[in-house]
Amino acid sequence: MTAKGGRESLPMQRFVPLLLIFFLWLTVLPGPTYLVR
């Protein structure tokens, strides 16, 4: 609860969904090359 009475998600509740980006990055490391796409 913020000082103004709002709701604010805490760090781990944002960390877990964003972790999917890191896992995707891991899957490209054993790929055939490095490309932007």
PDB file of all heavy atoms in Angstrom:
ATOM      1  N   MET A   1       0.845  -1.178   0.000  1.00  0.00           N
ATOM      2  CA  MET A   1       0.000   0.000   0.000  1.00  0.00           C
ATOM      3  C   MET A   1       0.884   1.232   0.000  1.00  0.00           C
ATOM      4  O   MET A   1       1.742   1.406   0.865  1.00  0.00           O
ATOM      5  CB  MET A   1      -0.905   0.002   1.232  1.00  0.00           C
ATOM      6  CG  MET A   1      -1.793  -1.223   1.336  1.00  0.00           C
ATOM      7  SD  MET A   1      -2.778  -1.525  -0.142  1.00  0.00           S
ATOM      8  CE  MET A   1      -3.859  -0.097  -0.095  1.00  0.00           C
ATOM      9  N   THR A   2       0.726   2.057  -0.983  1.00  0.00           N
ATOM     10  CA  THR A   2       1.526   3.268  -1.077  1.00  0.00           C
ATOM     11  C   THR A   2       0.976   4.320  -0.138  1.00  0.00           C
ATOM     12  O   THR A   2      -0.105   4.194   0.436  1.00  0.00           O
ATOM     13  CB  THR A   2       1.507   3.815  -2.506  1.00  0.00           C
ATOM     14  OG1 THR A   2       0.162   4.205  -2.809  1.00  0.00           O
ATOM     15  CG2 THR A   2       1.943   2.760  -3.500  1.00  0.00           C
ATOM     16  N   ALA A   3       1.728   5.385   0.019  1.00  0.00           N
ATOM     17  CA  ALA A   3       1.324   6.460   0.923  1.00  0.00           C
ATOM     18  C   ALA A   3       0.004   7.077   0.485  1.00  0.00           C
ATOM     19  O   ALA A   3      -0.757   7.609   1.297  1.00  0.00           O
ATOM     20  CB  ALA A   3       2.411   7.527   0.979  1.00  0.00           C
ATOM     21  N   LYS A   4      -0.287   7.018  -0.817  1.00  0.00           N
ATOM     22  CA  LYS A   4      -1.520   7.610  -1.335  1.00  0.00           C
ATOM     23  C   LYS A   4      -2.656   6.599  -1.434  1.00  0.00           C
ATOM     24  O   LYS A   4      -3.695   6.869  -2.010  1.00  0.00           O
ATOM     25  CB  LYS A   4      -1.257   8.227  -2.712  1.00  0.00           C
ATOM     26  CG  LYS A   4      -0.274   9.392  -2.643  1.00  0.00           C
ATOM     27  CD  LYS A   4      -0.118  10.050  -4.002  1.00  0.00           C
ATOM     28  CE  LYS A   4       0.852  11.234  -3.921  1.00  0.00           C
ATOM     29  NZ  LYS A   4       1.009  11.909  -5.210  1.00  0.00           N
ATOM     30  N   GLY A   5      -2.421   5.408  -0.898  1.00  0.00           N
ATOM     31  CA  GLY A   5      -3.490   4.433  -0.862  1.00  0.00           C
ATOM     32  C   GLY A   5      -3.637   3.603  -2.105  1.00  0.00           C
ATOM     33  O   GLY A   5      -4.595   2.852  -2.247  1.00  0.00           O
ATOM     34  N   GLY A   6      -2.685   3.677  -3.032  1.00  0.00           N
ATOM     35  CA  GLY A   6      -2.773   2.899  -4.263  1.00  0.00           C
ATOM     36  C   GLY A   6      -2.171   1.528  -4.099  1.00  0.00           C
ATOM     37  O   GLY A   6      -1.664   1.161  -3.054  1.00  0.00           O
ATOM     38  N   ARG A   7      -2.217   0.764  -5.158  1.00  0.00           N
ATOM     39  CA  ARG A   7      -1.627  -0.576  -5.159  1.00  0.00           C
ATOM     40  C   ARG A   7      -0.381  -0.567  -6.014  1.00  0.00           C
ATOM     41  O   ARG A   7      -0.385  -0.056  -7.117  1.00  0.00           O
ATOM     42  CB  ARG A   7      -2.638  -1.590  -5.708  1.00  0.00           C
ATOM     43  CG  ARG A   7      -3.858  -1.765  -4.834  1.00  0.00           C
ATOM     44  CD  ARG A   7      -4.919  -2.535  -5.585  1.00  0.00           C
ATOM     45  NE  ARG A   7      -4.514  -3.914  -5.798  1.00  0.00           N
ATOM     46  CZ  ARG A   7      -4.731  -4.890  -4.931  1.00  0.00           C
ATOM     47  NH1 ARG A   7      -5.322  -4.642  -3.785  1.00  0.00           N
ATOM     48  NH2 ARG A   7      -4.361  -6.126  -5.195  1.00  0.00           N
ATOM     49  N   GLU A   8       0.665  -1.153  -5.523  1.00  0.00           N
ATOM     50  CA  GLU A   8       1.932  -1.179  -6.255  1.00  0.00           C
ATOM     51  C   GLU A   8       2.527  -2.573  -6.168  1.00  0.00           C
ATOM     52  O   GLU A   8       2.761  -3.079  -5.074  1.00  0.00           O
ATOM     53  CB  GLU A   8       2.901  -0.157  -5.656  1.00  0.00           C
ATOM     54  CG  GLU A   8       4.268  -0.151  -6.332  1.00  0.00           C
ATOM     55  CD  GLU A   8       5.242   0.769  -5.619  1.00  0.00           C
ATOM     56  OE1 GLU A   8       4.867   1.343  -4.597  1.00  0.00           O
ATOM     57  OE2 GLU A   8       6.381   0.882  -6.103  1.00  0.00           O
ATOM     58  N   SER A   9       2.752  -3.202  -7.296  1.00  0.00           N
ATOM     59  CA  SER A   9       3.320  -4.541  -7.269  1.00  0.00           C
ATOM     60  C   SER A   9       4.777  -4.463  -6.846  1.00  0.00           C
ATOM     61  O   SER A   9       5.511  -3.559  -7.232  1.00  0.00           O
ATOM     62  CB  SER A   9       3.197  -5.206  -8.637  1.00  0.00           C
ATOM     63  OG  SER A   9       3.899  -4.496  -9.606  1.00  0.00           O
ATOM     64  N   LEU A  10       5.199  -5.418  -6.035  1.00  0.00           N
ATOM     65  CA  LEU A  10       6.553  -5.419  -5.508  1.00  0.00           C
ATOM     66  C   LEU A  10       7.515  -6.110  -6.472  1.00  0.00           C
ATOM     67  O   LEU A  10       7.096  -6.778  -7.414  1.00  0.00           O
ATOM     68  CB  LEU A  10       6.555  -6.091  -4.141  1.00  0.00           C
ATOM     69  CG  LEU A  10       5.883  -5.261  -3.026  1.00  0.00           C
ATOM     70  CD1 LEU A  10       5.947  -6.022  -1.721  1.00  0.00           C
ATOM     71  CD2 LEU A  10       6.545  -3.900  -2.882  1.00  0.00           C
ATOM     72  N   PRO A  11       8.835  -5.937  -6.247  1.00  0.00           N
ATOM     73  CA  PRO A  11       9.839  -6.365  -7.238  1.00  0.00           C
ATOM     74  C   PRO A  11       9.713  -7.788  -7.737  1.00  0.00           C
ATOM     75  O   PRO A  11       9.797  -8.027  -8.935  1.00  0.00           O
ATOM     76  CB  PRO A  11      11.154  -6.143  -6.487  1.00  0.00           C
ATOM     77  CG  PRO A  11      10.878  -4.999  -5.591  1.00  0.00           C
ATOM     78  CD  PRO A  11       9.461  -5.187  -5.140  1.00  0.00           C
ATOM     79  N   MET A  12       9.508  -8.774  -6.847  1.00  0.00           N
ATOM     80  CA  MET A  12       9.479 -10.161  -7.311  1.00  0.00           C
ATOM     81  C   MET A  12       8.275 -10.452  -8.191  1.00  0.00           C
ATOM     82  O   MET A  12       8.319 -11.322  -9.055  1.00  0.00           O
ATOM     83  CB  MET A  12       9.499 -11.118  -6.117  1.00  0.00           C
ATOM     84  CG  MET A  12      10.851 -11.215  -5.437  1.00  0.00           C
ATOM     85  SD  MET A  12      12.202 -11.674  -6.554  1.00  0.00           S
ATOM     86  CE  MET A  12      11.770 -13.355  -6.933  1.00  0.00           C
ATOM     87  N   GLN A  13       7.183  -9.710  -7.998  1.00  0.00           N
ATOM     88  CA  GLN A  13       6.007  -9.917  -8.827  1.00  0.00           C
ATOM     89  C   GLN A  13       6.197  -9.346 -10.233  1.00  0.00           C
ATOM     90  O   GLN A  13       5.445  -9.664 -11.142  1.00  0.00           O
ATOM     91  CB  GLN A  13       4.777  -9.278  -8.172  1.00  0.00           C
ATOM     92  CG  GLN A  13       4.163 -10.114  -7.072  1.00  0.00           C
ATOM     93  CD  GLN A  13       5.097 -10.265  -5.880  1.00  0.00           C
ATOM     94  OE1 GLN A  13       5.587  -9.282  -5.321  1.00  0.00           O
ATOM     95  NE2 GLN A  13       5.345 -11.496  -5.484  1.00  0.00           N
ATOM     96  N   ARG A  14       7.198  -8.499 -10.401  1.00  0.00           N
ATOM     97  CA  ARG A  14       7.569  -8.037 -11.739  1.00  0.00           C
ATOM     98  C   ARG A  14       8.733  -8.838 -12.288  1.00  0.00           C
ATOM     99  O   ARG A  14       8.866  -9.021 -13.489  1.00  0.00           O
ATOM    100  CB  ARG A  14       7.926  -6.541 -11.687  1.00  0.00           C
ATOM    101  CG  ARG A  14       6.703  -5.646 -11.512  1.00  0.00           C
ATOM    102  CD  ARG A  14       7.101  -4.217 -11.212  1.00  0.00           C
ATOM    103  NE  ARG A  14       7.312  -4.016  -9.787  1.00  0.00           N
ATOM    104  CZ  ARG A  14       8.135  -3.118  -9.281  1.00  0.00           C
ATOM    105  NH1 ARG A  14       8.852  -2.351 -10.081  1.00  0.00           N
ATOM    106  NH2 ARG A  14       8.268  -2.973  -7.986  1.00  0.00           N
ATOM    107  N   PHE A  15       9.576  -9.330 -11.410  1.00  0.00           N
ATOM    108  CA  PHE A  15      10.739 -10.112 -11.826  1.00  0.00           C
ATOM    109  C   PHE A  15      10.315 -11.407 -12.520  1.00  0.00           C
ATOM    110  O   PHE A  15      10.875 -11.781 -13.553  1.00  0.00           O
ATOM    111  CB  PHE A  15      11.600 -10.429 -10.601  1.00  0.00           C
ATOM    112  CG  PHE A  15      12.790 -11.293 -10.891  1.00  0.00           C
ATOM    113  CD1 PHE A  15      13.989 -10.732 -11.312  1.00  0.00           C
ATOM    114  CD2 PHE A  15      12.724 -12.675 -10.754  1.00  0.00           C
ATOM    115  CE1 PHE A  15      15.091 -11.525 -11.582  1.00  0.00           C
ATOM    116  CE2 PHE A  15      13.812 -13.480 -11.029  1.00  0.00           C
ATOM    117  CZ  PHE A  15      15.000 -12.892 -11.444  1.00  0.00           C
ATOM    118  N   VAL A  16       9.331 -12.100 -11.955  1.00  0.00           N
ATOM    119  CA  VAL A  16       8.951 -13.418 -12.481  1.00  0.00           C
ATOM    120  C   VAL A  16       8.450 -13.339 -13.921  1.00  0.00           C
ATOM    121  O   VAL A  16       8.906 -14.100 -14.786  1.00  0.00           O
ATOM    122  CB  VAL A  16       7.926 -14.104 -11.556  1.00  0.00           C
ATOM    123  CG1 VAL A  16       7.455 -15.419 -12.163  1.00  0.00           C
ATOM    124  CG2 VAL A  16       8.538 -14.359 -10.181  1.00  0.00           C
ATOM    125  N   PRO A  17       7.493 -12.448 -14.273  1.00  0.00           N
ATOM    126  CA  PRO A  17       7.076 -12.375 -15.685  1.00  0.00           C
ATOM    127  C   PRO A  17       8.206 -11.971 -16.629  1.00  0.00           C
ATOM    128  O   PRO A  17       8.320 -12.503 -17.738  1.00  0.00           O
ATOM    129  CB  PRO A  17       5.975 -11.300 -15.673  1.00  0.00           C
ATOM    130  CG  PRO A  17       5.490 -11.257 -14.277  1.00  0.00           C
ATOM    131  CD  PRO A  17       6.676 -11.554 -13.423  1.00  0.00           C
ATOM    132  N   LEU A  18       9.064 -11.032 -16.182  1.00  0.00           N
ATOM    133  CA  LEU A  18      10.147 -10.566 -17.044  1.00  0.00           C
ATOM    134  C   LEU A  18      11.228 -11.619 -17.228  1.00  0.00           C
ATOM    135  O   LEU A  18      12.052 -11.523 -18.151  1.00  0.00           O
ATOM    136  CB  LEU A  18      10.766  -9.286 -16.468  1.00  0.00           C
ATOM    137  CG  LEU A  18       9.806  -8.084 -16.363  1.00  0.00           C
ATOM    138  CD1 LEU A  18      10.495  -6.923 -15.668  1.00  0.00           C
ATOM    139  CD2 LEU A  18       9.317  -7.656 -17.736  1.00  0.00           C
ATOM    140  N   LEU A  19      11.233 -12.633 -16.366  1.00  0.00           N
ATOM    141  CA  LEU A  19      12.210 -13.711 -16.477  1.00  0.00           C
ATOM    142  C   LEU A  19      12.078 -14.464 -17.800  1.00  0.00           C
ATOM    143  O   LEU A  19      13.033 -15.069 -18.278  1.00  0.00           O
ATOM    144  CB  LEU A  19      12.027 -14.675 -15.295  1.00  0.00           C
ATOM    145  CG  LEU A  19      13.150 -15.665 -14.991  1.00  0.00           C
ATOM    146  CD1 LEU A  19      14.444 -14.936 -14.681  1.00  0.00           C
ATOM    147  CD2 LEU A  19      12.744 -16.546 -13.806  1.00  0.00           C
ATOM    148  N   LEU A  20      10.895 -14.410 -18.406  1.00  0.00           N
ATOM    149  CA  LEU A  20      10.683 -15.079 -19.693  1.00  0.00           C
ATOM    150  C   LEU A  20      11.615 -14.520 -20.764  1.00  0.00           C
ATOM    151  O   LEU A  20      12.066 -15.252 -21.654  1.00  0.00           O
ATOM    152  CB  LEU A  20       9.224 -14.912 -20.115  1.00  0.00           C
ATOM    153  CG  LEU A  20       8.765 -15.629 -21.389  1.00  0.00           C
ATOM    154  CD1 LEU A  20       9.102 -17.105 -21.362  1.00  0.00           C
ATOM    155  CD2 LEU A  20       7.270 -15.429 -21.593  1.00  0.00           C
ATOM    156  N   ILE A  21      11.927 -13.224 -20.693  1.00  0.00           N
ATOM    157  CA  ILE A  21      12.856 -12.619 -21.657  1.00  0.00           C
ATOM    158  C   ILE A  21      14.240 -13.239 -21.506  1.00  0.00           C
ATOM    159  O   ILE A  21      14.913 -13.557 -22.499  1.00  0.00           O
ATOM    160  CB  ILE A  21      12.926 -11.096 -21.445  1.00  0.00           C
ATOM    161  CG1 ILE A  21      11.553 -10.466 -21.662  1.00  0.00           C
ATOM    162  CG2 ILE A  21      13.963 -10.459 -22.378  1.00  0.00           C
ATOM    163  CD1 ILE A  21      11.491  -8.990 -21.303  1.00  0.00           C
ATOM    164  N   PHE A  22      14.669 -13.424 -20.271  1.00  0.00           N
ATOM    165  CA  PHE A  22      15.989 -14.013 -20.023  1.00  0.00           C
ATOM    166  C   PHE A  22      16.054 -15.446 -20.531  1.00  0.00           C
ATOM    167  O   PHE A  22      17.051 -15.859 -21.144  1.00  0.00           O
ATOM    168  CB  PHE A  22      16.303 -13.963 -18.528  1.00  0.00           C
ATOM    169  CG  PHE A  22      17.583 -14.655 -18.154  1.00  0.00           C
ATOM    170  CD1 PHE A  22      18.815 -14.118 -18.514  1.00  0.00           C
ATOM    171  CD2 PHE A  22      17.556 -15.857 -17.457  1.00  0.00           C
ATOM    172  CE1 PHE A  22      19.997 -14.768 -18.176  1.00  0.00           C
ATOM    173  CE2 PHE A  22      18.736 -16.504 -17.117  1.00  0.00           C
ATOM    174  CZ  PHE A  22      19.959 -15.958 -17.480  1.00  0.00           C
ATOM    175  N   PHE A  23      14.987 -16.222 -20.316  1.00  0.00           N
ATOM    176  CA  PHE A  23      14.985 -17.606 -20.794  1.00  0.00           C
ATOM    177  C   PHE A  23      15.027 -17.663 -22.319  1.00  0.00           C
ATOM    178  O   PHE A  23      15.689 -18.536 -22.896  1.00  0.00           O
ATOM    179  CB  PHE A  23      13.762 -18.353 -20.267  1.00  0.00           C
ATOM    180  CG  PHE A  23      13.869 -18.743 -18.824  1.00  0.00           C
ATOM    181  CD1 PHE A  23      12.788 -18.633 -17.971  1.00  0.00           C
ATOM    182  CD2 PHE A  23      15.057 -19.228 -18.303  1.00  0.00           C
ATOM    183  CE1 PHE A  23      12.887 -18.999 -16.635  1.00  0.00           C
ATOM    184  CE2 PHE A  23      15.174 -19.594 -16.970  1.00  0.00           C
ATOM    185  CZ  PHE A  23      14.081 -19.473 -16.134  1.00  0.00           C
ATOM    186  N   LEU A  24      14.334 -16.741 -22.977  1.00  0.00           N
ATOM    187  CA  LEU A  24      14.411 -16.710 -24.437  1.00  0.00           C
ATOM    188  C   LEU A  24      15.833 -16.399 -24.879  1.00  0.00           C
ATOM    189  O   LEU A  24      16.353 -17.003 -25.821  1.00  0.00           O
ATOM    190  CB  LEU A  24      13.444 -15.671 -25.004  1.00  0.00           C
ATOM    191  CG  LEU A  24      13.492 -15.587 -26.529  1.00  0.00           C
ATOM    192  CD1 LEU A  24      12.788 -16.785 -27.149  1.00  0.00           C
ATOM    193  CD2 LEU A  24      12.906 -14.299 -27.048  1.00  0.00           C
ATOM    194  N   TRP A  25      16.472 -15.446 -24.201  1.00  0.00           N
ATOM    195  CA  TRP A  25      17.862 -15.086 -24.533  1.00  0.00           C
ATOM    196  C   TRP A  25      18.763 -16.307 -24.384  1.00  0.00           C
ATOM    197  O   TRP A  25      19.652 -16.533 -25.217  1.00  0.00           O
ATOM    198  CB  TRP A  25      18.311 -13.948 -23.625  1.00  0.00           C
ATOM    199  CG  TRP A  25      19.703 -13.476 -23.865  1.00  0.00           C
ATOM    200  CD1 TRP A  25      20.135 -12.572 -24.796  1.00  0.00           C
ATOM    201  CD2 TRP A  25      20.880 -13.889 -23.139  1.00  0.00           C
ATOM    202  NE1 TRP A  25      21.500 -12.394 -24.704  1.00  0.00           N
ATOM    203  CE2 TRP A  25      21.976 -13.184 -23.701  1.00  0.00           C
ATOM    204  CE3 TRP A  25      21.117 -14.747 -22.086  1.00  0.00           C
ATOM    205  CZ2 TRP A  25      23.284 -13.340 -23.232  1.00  0.00           C
ATOM    206  CZ3 TRP A  25      22.409 -14.916 -21.614  1.00  0.00           C
ATOM    207  CH2 TRP A  25      23.473 -14.212 -22.197  1.00  0.00           C
ATOM    208  N   LEU A  26      18.543 -17.100 -23.353  1.00  0.00           N
ATOM    209  CA  LEU A  26      19.356 -18.305 -23.164  1.00  0.00           C
ATOM    210  C   LEU A  26      19.205 -19.274 -24.334  1.00  0.00           C
ATOM    211  O   LEU A  26      20.174 -19.925 -24.736  1.00  0.00           O
ATOM    212  CB  LEU A  26      18.970 -19.012 -21.860  1.00  0.00           C
ATOM    213  CG  LEU A  26      19.470 -18.421 -20.548  1.00  0.00           C
ATOM    214  CD1 LEU A  26      18.968 -19.256 -19.385  1.00  0.00           C
ATOM    215  CD2 LEU A  26      20.990 -18.314 -20.516  1.00  0.00           C
ATOM    216  N   THR A  27      17.992 -19.369 -24.890  1.00  0.00           N
ATOM    217  CA  THR A  27      17.760 -20.342 -25.962  1.00  0.00           C
ATOM    218  C   THR A  27      18.442 -19.961 -27.263  1.00  0.00           C
ATOM    219  O   THR A  27      18.624 -20.824 -28.134  1.00  0.00           O
ATOM    220  CB  THR A  27      16.253 -20.519 -26.236  1.00  0.00           C
ATOM    221  OG1 THR A  27      15.702 -19.298 -26.742  1.00  0.00           O
ATOM    222  CG2 THR A  27      15.522 -20.961 -24.985  1.00  0.00           C
ATOM    223  N   VAL A  28      18.813 -18.687 -27.450  1.00  0.00           N
ATOM    224  CA  VAL A  28      19.474 -18.307 -28.703  1.00  0.00           C
ATOM    225  C   VAL A  28      20.983 -18.482 -28.631  1.00  0.00           C
ATOM    226  O   VAL A  28      21.652 -18.487 -29.674  1.00  0.00           O
ATOM    227  CB  VAL A  28      19.125 -16.854 -29.118  1.00  0.00           C
ATOM    228  CG1 VAL A  28      17.639 -16.688 -29.299  1.00  0.00           C
ATOM    229  CG2 VAL A  28      19.681 -15.836 -28.133  1.00  0.00           C
ATOM    230  N   LEU A  29      21.535 -18.647 -27.440  1.00  0.00           N
ATOM    231  CA  LEU A  29      22.988 -18.796 -27.318  1.00  0.00           C
ATOM    232  C   LEU A  29      23.527 -20.022 -28.050  1.00  0.00           C
ATOM    233  O   LEU A  29      24.603 -19.956 -28.650  1.00  0.00           O
ATOM    234  CB  LEU A  29      23.395 -18.839 -25.839  1.00  0.00           C
ATOM    235  CG  LEU A  29      23.164 -17.558 -25.036  1.00  0.00           C
ATOM    236  CD1 LEU A  29      23.678 -17.726 -23.610  1.00  0.00           C
ATOM    237  CD2 LEU A  29      23.845 -16.362 -25.694  1.00  0.00           C
ATOM    238  N   PRO A  30      22.841 -21.169 -28.036  1.00  0.00           N
ATOM    239  CA  PRO A  30      23.336 -22.316 -28.818  1.00  0.00           C
ATOM    240  C   PRO A  30      22.844 -22.307 -30.261  1.00  0.00           C
ATOM    241  O   PRO A  30      22.882 -23.337 -30.926  1.00  0.00           O
ATOM    242  CB  PRO A  30      22.783 -23.519 -28.053  1.00  0.00           C
ATOM    243  CG  PRO A  30      21.528 -23.025 -27.417  1.00  0.00           C
ATOM    244  CD  PRO A  30      21.748 -21.581 -27.128  1.00  0.00           C
ATOM    245  N   GLY A  31      22.382 -21.172 -30.760  1.00  0.00           N
ATOM    246  CA  GLY A  31      21.864 -21.079 -32.111  1.00  0.00           C
ATOM    247  C   GLY A  31      22.944 -20.993 -33.167  1.00  0.00           C
ATOM    248  O   GLY A  31      24.147 -20.988 -32.866  1.00  0.00           O
ATOM    249  N   PRO A  32      22.538 -20.872 -34.439  1.00  0.00           N
ATOM    250  CA  PRO A  32      23.493 -20.922 -35.552  1.00  0.00           C
ATOM    251  C   PRO A  32      24.327 -19.658 -35.733  1.00  0.00           C
ATOM    252  O   PRO A  32      25.372 -19.704 -36.358  1.00  0.00           O
ATOM    253  CB  PRO A  32      22.590 -21.140 -36.775  1.00  0.00           C
ATOM    254  CG  PRO A  32      21.278 -20.544 -36.372  1.00  0.00           C
ATOM    255  CD  PRO A  32      21.143 -20.808 -34.909  1.00  0.00           C
ATOM    256  N   THR A  33      23.865 -18.526 -35.193  1.00  0.00           N
ATOM    257  CA  THR A  33      24.596 -17.272 -35.344  1.00  0.00           C
ATOM    258  C   THR A  33      23.947 -16.229 -34.452  1.00  0.00           C
ATOM    259  O   THR A  33      23.006 -16.526 -33.704  1.00  0.00           O
ATOM    260  CB  THR A  33      24.578 -16.799 -36.814  1.00  0.00           C
ATOM    261  OG1 THR A  33      25.452 -15.677 -36.969  1.00  0.00           O
ATOM    262  CG2 THR A  33      23.168 -16.426 -37.264  1.00  0.00           C
ATOM    263  N   TYR A  34      24.420 -14.992 -34.508  1.00  0.00           N
ATOM    264  CA  TYR A  34      23.785 -13.912 -33.748  1.00  0.00           C
ATOM    265  C   TYR A  34      23.212 -12.891 -34.733  1.00  0.00           C
ATOM    266  O   TYR A  34      23.907 -12.345 -35.570  1.00  0.00           O
ATOM    267  CB  TYR A  34      24.782 -13.252 -32.790  1.00  0.00           C
ATOM    268  CG  TYR A  34      26.063 -12.752 -33.419  1.00  0.00           C
ATOM    269  CD1 TYR A  34      26.182 -11.443 -33.878  1.00  0.00           C
ATOM    270  CD2 TYR A  34      27.164 -13.589 -33.550  1.00  0.00           C
ATOM    271  CE1 TYR A  34      27.356 -10.989 -34.463  1.00  0.00           C
ATOM    272  CE2 TYR A  34      28.345 -13.141 -34.128  1.00  0.00           C
ATOM    273  CZ  TYR A  34      28.433 -11.836 -34.586  1.00  0.00           C
ATOM    274  OH  TYR A  34      29.593 -11.383 -35.170  1.00  0.00           O
ATOM    275  N   LEU A  35      21.908 -12.713 -34.663  1.00  0.00           N
ATOM    276  CA  LEU A  35      21.201 -11.765 -35.512  1.00  0.00           C
ATOM    277  C   LEU A  35      20.168 -11.013 -34.685  1.00  0.00           C
ATOM    278  O   LEU A  35      19.619 -11.547 -33.714  1.00  0.00           O
ATOM    279  CB  LEU A  35      20.497 -12.482 -36.668  1.00  0.00           C
ATOM    280  CG  LEU A  35      21.368 -12.977 -37.824  1.00  0.00           C
ATOM    281  CD1 LEU A  35      20.540 -13.826 -38.781  1.00  0.00           C
ATOM    282  CD2 LEU A  35      22.013 -11.812 -38.584  1.00  0.00           C
ATOM    283  N   VAL A  36      19.873  -9.797 -35.106  1.00  0.00           N
ATOM    284  CA  VAL A  36      18.895  -8.970 -34.406  1.00  0.00           C
ATOM    285  C   VAL A  36      17.545  -9.668 -34.338  1.00  0.00           C
ATOM    286  O   VAL A  36      16.862  -9.628 -33.311  1.00  0.00           O
ATOM    287  CB  VAL A  36      18.780  -7.601 -35.107  1.00  0.00           C
ATOM    288  CG1 VAL A  36      17.553  -6.842 -34.621  1.00  0.00           C
ATOM    289  CG2 VAL A  36      20.042  -6.770 -34.874  1.00  0.00           C
ATOM    290  N   ARG A  37      17.150 -10.323 -35.403  1.00  0.00           N
ATOM    291  CA  ARG A  37      15.793 -10.882 -35.462  1.00  0.00           C
ATOM    292  C   ARG A  37      15.541 -11.959 -34.414  1.00  0.00           C
ATOM    293  O   ARG A  37      14.403 -12.199 -34.015  1.00  0.00           O
ATOM    294  CB  ARG A  37      15.507 -11.429 -36.857  1.00  0.00           C
ATOM    295  CG  ARG A  37      16.247 -12.691 -37.269  1.00  0.00           C
ATOM    296  CD  ARG A  37      16.001 -12.971 -38.740  1.00  0.00           C
ATOM    297  NE  ARG A  37      16.539 -14.246 -39.208  1.00  0.00           N
ATOM    298  CZ  ARG A  37      15.808 -15.349 -39.387  1.00  0.00           C
ATOM    299  NH1 ARG A  37      14.515 -15.327 -39.120  1.00  0.00           N
ATOM    300  NH2 ARG A  37      16.361 -16.459 -39.838  1.00  0.00           N
TER     301      ARG A  37
END
